[in-house]
Protein backbone atom coordinates (compact mmCIF):
# COMPACT_ATOMS: atom_id res chain seq x y z
CA UNK A 1 -29.51 -172.60 36.43
CA UNK A 2 -31.01 -176.29 35.65
CA UNK A 3 -32.69 -177.48 39.02
CA UNK A 4 -32.04 -181.30 40.11
CA UNK A 5 -34.09 -182.75 42.81
CA UNK A 6 -32.38 -186.10 44.18
CA UNK A 7 -35.45 -188.51 45.51
CA UNK A 8 -34.77 -191.39 47.76
CA UNK A 9 -36.91 -194.70 46.73
CA UNK A 10 -34.69 -197.23 47.88
CA UNK A 11 -34.42 -199.24 51.07
CA UNK A 12 -30.72 -199.25 51.54
CA UNK A 13 -30.30 -195.74 52.58
CA UNK A 14 -32.08 -193.29 54.66
CA UNK A 15 -33.08 -190.18 54.00
CA UNK A 16 -30.45 -188.55 56.39
CA UNK A 17 -27.55 -190.37 54.81
CA UNK A 18 -28.06 -188.95 51.19
CA UNK A 19 -29.15 -185.80 52.53
CA UNK A 20 -25.55 -185.72 54.47
CA UNK A 21 -23.90 -185.96 50.76
CA UNK A 22 -25.78 -183.54 49.06
CA UNK A 23 -23.56 -180.49 50.23
CA UNK A 24 -20.59 -182.20 49.02
CA UNK A 25 -21.76 -183.05 45.48
CA UNK A 26 -23.42 -179.36 45.37
CA UNK A 27 -19.80 -178.22 46.07
CA UNK A 28 -18.48 -180.41 43.16
CA UNK A 29 -20.94 -179.20 40.75
CA UNK A 30 -20.21 -175.16 41.94
CA UNK A 31 -16.37 -175.63 42.22
CA UNK A 32 -15.32 -178.22 39.86
CA UNK A 33 -17.44 -178.98 36.81
CA UNK A 34 -19.11 -175.37 36.65
CA UNK A 35 -16.16 -173.52 35.95
CA UNK A 36 -14.93 -176.03 33.12
CA UNK A 37 -17.91 -176.88 31.55
CA UNK A 38 -20.31 -173.43 32.13
CA UNK A 39 -23.34 -175.35 33.36
CA UNK A 40 -24.45 -175.59 36.79
CA UNK A 41 -27.04 -177.00 39.06
CA UNK A 42 -29.09 -176.40 42.06
CA UNK A 43 -29.51 -179.75 43.82
CA UNK A 44 -32.34 -180.33 46.38
CA UNK A 45 -33.60 -183.42 48.18
CA UNK A 46 -37.18 -184.94 48.34
CA UNK A 47 -37.53 -187.81 50.73
CA UNK A 48 -39.80 -191.10 50.38
CA UNK A 49 -43.13 -190.69 49.01
CA UNK A 50 -42.79 -187.02 47.78
CA UNK A 51 -43.34 -185.87 44.35
CA UNK A 52 -41.42 -184.37 41.73
CA UNK A 53 -42.29 -180.30 41.21
CA UNK A 54 -42.82 -179.87 37.56
CA UNK A 55 -40.12 -178.66 35.67
CA UNK A 56 -37.39 -179.98 37.54
CA UNK A 57 -35.21 -183.09 36.56
CA UNK A 58 -35.43 -185.56 38.77
CA UNK A 59 -32.55 -188.30 40.04
CA UNK A 60 -34.12 -191.05 41.46
CA UNK A 61 -31.87 -193.46 44.33
CA UNK A 62 -33.84 -196.78 43.92
CA UNK A 63 -32.82 -200.39 45.23
CA UNK A 64 -32.36 -202.47 41.95
CA UNK A 65 -31.76 -201.74 38.43
CA UNK A 66 -34.69 -202.27 35.87
CA UNK A 67 -32.20 -202.56 33.03
CA UNK A 68 -30.01 -205.47 33.52
CA UNK A 69 -26.24 -204.57 34.18
CA UNK A 70 -27.10 -200.90 34.23
CA UNK A 71 -25.70 -199.36 37.89
CA UNK A 72 -27.45 -195.83 36.68
CA UNK A 73 -28.56 -193.67 33.62
CA UNK A 74 -30.04 -190.47 32.81
CA UNK A 75 -32.85 -190.90 30.18
CA UNK A 76 -36.17 -192.84 30.53
CA UNK A 77 -37.54 -194.82 27.84
CA UNK A 78 -39.40 -191.78 26.25
CA UNK A 79 -36.12 -189.54 26.23
CA UNK A 80 -36.96 -187.93 28.99
CA UNK A 81 -34.13 -186.39 31.19
CA UNK A 82 -34.69 -188.66 34.48
CA UNK A 83 -31.18 -189.82 36.74
CA UNK A 84 -31.63 -193.08 38.29
CA UNK A 85 -29.08 -194.84 40.68
CA UNK A 86 -29.14 -198.11 42.06
CA UNK A 87 -27.99 -198.33 45.50
CA UNK A 88 -28.44 -201.79 46.58
CA UNK A 89 -27.11 -203.13 43.53
CA UNK A 90 -24.28 -200.66 44.01
CA UNK A 91 -23.87 -202.59 47.70
CA UNK A 92 -24.43 -205.92 45.96
CA UNK A 93 -21.18 -205.36 43.31
CA UNK A 94 -19.04 -203.46 46.14
CA UNK A 95 -18.98 -200.00 44.26
CA UNK A 96 -19.69 -196.69 45.54
CA UNK A 97 -23.41 -195.21 45.10
CA UNK A 98 -22.00 -191.68 45.49
CA UNK A 99 -19.68 -192.06 42.85
CA UNK A 100 -22.96 -193.45 40.33
CA UNK A 101 -24.72 -190.42 41.91
CA UNK A 102 -22.59 -187.77 40.81
CA UNK A 103 -21.45 -189.68 37.72
CA UNK A 104 -25.23 -189.50 36.65
CA UNK A 105 -25.75 -185.94 37.68
CA UNK A 106 -22.79 -184.37 35.73
CA UNK A 107 -23.81 -186.47 32.65
CA UNK A 108 -27.63 -184.92 33.15
CA UNK A 109 -25.61 -181.84 32.91
CA UNK A 110 -22.85 -182.10 30.36
CA UNK A 111 -25.34 -184.01 27.59
CA UNK A 112 -28.80 -184.82 29.08
CA UNK A 113 -30.46 -186.07 25.83
CA UNK A 114 -27.12 -188.01 24.62
CA UNK A 115 -27.65 -186.59 21.06
CA UNK A 116 -24.44 -185.02 20.68
CA UNK A 117 -21.64 -187.05 18.56
CA UNK A 118 -18.06 -186.08 18.42
CA UNK A 119 -15.90 -186.74 15.66
CA UNK A 120 -12.90 -188.91 16.12
CA UNK A 121 -9.76 -188.70 13.99
CA UNK A 122 -10.66 -192.18 12.21
CA UNK A 123 -13.99 -190.93 11.11
CA UNK A 124 -16.11 -192.73 13.64
CA UNK A 125 -18.10 -190.55 16.68
CA UNK A 126 -18.53 -191.02 19.88
CA UNK A 127 -21.31 -190.03 22.80
CA UNK A 128 -20.38 -186.99 24.51
CA UNK A 129 -20.75 -188.40 27.90
CA UNK A 130 -18.33 -186.87 30.60
CA UNK A 131 -17.95 -189.54 32.92
CA UNK A 132 -17.66 -192.99 31.02
CA UNK A 133 -14.08 -192.70 30.34
CA UNK A 134 -12.98 -192.23 33.91
CA UNK A 135 -15.68 -194.61 35.42
CA UNK A 136 -14.39 -196.63 38.14
CA UNK A 137 -14.06 -195.78 41.96
CA UNK A 138 -10.15 -196.31 41.92
CA UNK A 139 -10.49 -192.90 39.37
CA UNK A 140 -12.76 -191.20 41.50
CA UNK A 141 -11.66 -188.58 44.20
CA UNK A 142 -12.65 -187.01 47.41
CA UNK A 143 -14.91 -183.95 47.64
CA UNK A 144 -15.48 -182.66 51.30
CA UNK A 145 -15.44 -186.21 52.50
CA UNK A 146 -17.39 -187.52 49.62
CA UNK A 147 -16.25 -189.89 46.90
CA UNK A 148 -17.21 -188.45 43.60
CA UNK A 149 -16.92 -189.15 40.16
CA UNK A 150 -13.96 -187.76 38.28
CA UNK A 151 -14.96 -186.34 34.77
CA UNK A 152 -13.46 -185.62 31.32
CA UNK A 153 -13.04 -181.58 30.53
CA UNK A 154 -13.65 -180.11 26.60
CA UNK A 155 -10.42 -181.05 25.36
CA UNK A 156 -11.30 -184.80 25.83
CA UNK A 157 -13.45 -183.99 23.29
CA UNK A 158 -11.07 -181.63 21.31
CA UNK A 159 -13.15 -178.67 22.42
CA UNK A 160 -11.84 -175.34 23.19
CA UNK A 161 -11.75 -174.13 26.58
CA UNK A 162 -11.30 -175.17 29.98
CA UNK A 163 -7.77 -176.74 31.43
CA UNK A 164 -5.05 -178.26 29.67
CA UNK A 165 -5.85 -181.67 30.68
CA UNK A 166 -8.22 -184.41 29.59
CA UNK A 167 -9.86 -185.11 32.77
CA UNK A 168 -10.37 -183.02 36.30
CA UNK A 169 -8.06 -185.53 37.80
CA UNK A 170 -5.46 -185.43 35.12
CA UNK A 171 -5.45 -189.47 34.80
CA UNK A 172 -6.06 -189.43 30.98
CA UNK A 173 -3.32 -189.26 28.93
CA UNK A 174 -5.16 -188.64 25.38
CA UNK A 175 -8.44 -187.28 23.95
CA UNK A 176 -11.14 -189.71 22.79
CA UNK A 177 -11.34 -192.65 22.94
CA UNK A 178 -8.42 -192.80 25.35
CA UNK A 179 -9.70 -194.58 28.56
CA UNK A 180 -8.43 -194.92 32.35
CA UNK A 181 -8.91 -198.53 33.57
CA UNK A 182 -12.59 -199.28 34.10
CA UNK A 183 -13.57 -196.81 31.55
CA UNK A 184 -15.46 -197.20 28.62
CA UNK A 185 -17.11 -195.21 25.58
CA UNK A 186 -19.57 -195.91 23.20
CA UNK A 187 -18.46 -195.49 19.30
CA UNK A 188 -20.57 -195.13 16.34
CA UNK A 189 -19.82 -195.73 12.97
CA UNK A 190 -21.49 -193.56 10.29
CA UNK A 191 -20.51 -195.92 7.63
CA UNK A 192 -22.33 -199.14 8.80
CA UNK A 193 -24.88 -197.46 11.38
CA UNK A 194 -23.24 -199.73 13.93
CA UNK A 195 -22.57 -198.80 17.55
CA UNK A 196 -19.52 -200.45 19.21
CA UNK A 197 -17.84 -199.79 22.69
CA UNK A 198 -14.44 -199.64 23.58
CA UNK A 199 -13.86 -200.79 27.35
CA UNK A 200 -10.70 -200.55 29.02
CA UNK A 201 -10.42 -203.39 31.79
CA UNK A 202 -9.89 -202.93 35.51
CA UNK A 203 -5.84 -203.13 37.02
CA UNK A 204 -7.06 -206.92 38.08
CA UNK A 205 -8.18 -207.60 34.71
CA UNK A 206 -11.74 -207.73 34.82
CA UNK A 207 -14.27 -205.65 32.99
CA UNK A 208 -16.22 -203.33 34.89
CA UNK A 209 -19.49 -203.72 35.71
CA UNK A 210 -20.60 -200.43 35.20
CA UNK A 211 -19.55 -200.63 31.71
CA UNK A 212 -22.97 -202.50 30.61
CA UNK A 213 -24.84 -199.21 31.23
CA UNK A 214 -23.61 -198.51 27.71
CA UNK A 215 -26.16 -200.34 26.04
CA UNK A 216 -29.21 -197.70 27.18
CA UNK A 217 -27.07 -194.95 26.25
CA UNK A 218 -26.56 -195.93 22.76
CA UNK A 219 -30.09 -196.87 22.19
CA UNK A 220 -31.19 -193.65 22.94
CA UNK A 221 -28.51 -191.54 20.76
CA UNK A 222 -29.46 -193.93 18.00
CA UNK A 223 -33.06 -192.90 18.40
CA UNK A 224 -32.21 -189.39 19.05
CA UNK A 225 -30.51 -189.24 15.49
CA UNK A 226 -33.43 -191.13 13.89
CA UNK A 227 -35.06 -188.16 15.34
CA UNK A 228 -33.11 -185.65 13.62
CA UNK A 229 -33.18 -187.63 10.46
CA UNK A 230 -36.68 -187.28 9.80
């Protein structure tokens, strides 16, 4: 069982505010995600000023992003599993911090180092990120009174096991690289060595601000494959 500790380092949410959502987040992992993906987590909380115990993955709630455009990510610059969610930026852009929190948490469990690439039917590959394709508050769902991120199923990545639908909420109409409004997916072309991104516009025609986090994911995936190729 993976251990993840959520640490409050922001000024816009109190310790009590964050602690109040953890039971719903734990329930999503236990009841929705783990039965489909076969991986769970024990989620704990640490307040301001606390230190992370060794061997436990941290997920920090901070104010502002240290990477322009990224409202969250789950790898640091050294490739260590370390989630970050930027609650003040979420408030600024009018999106749910609990959706970002559960997005990063589920992706830490689904493919923590973003090293897995999935073969697509056209010879390209995509990153095995379990929340990007269904990323938007309008696609999220309520879990015990808390808005949490939708996530894809193994079927979306052409894998066996899990339910006969492409995402937990049943919004996707096909496998990768299909997207719901606001969703996005990192695409790698092995013939050119180049990364691109497919992005589905929101229902109002705008591009999701969250889709900008892709740059970090692609960077880490590229460096991961360079390490494997050595």
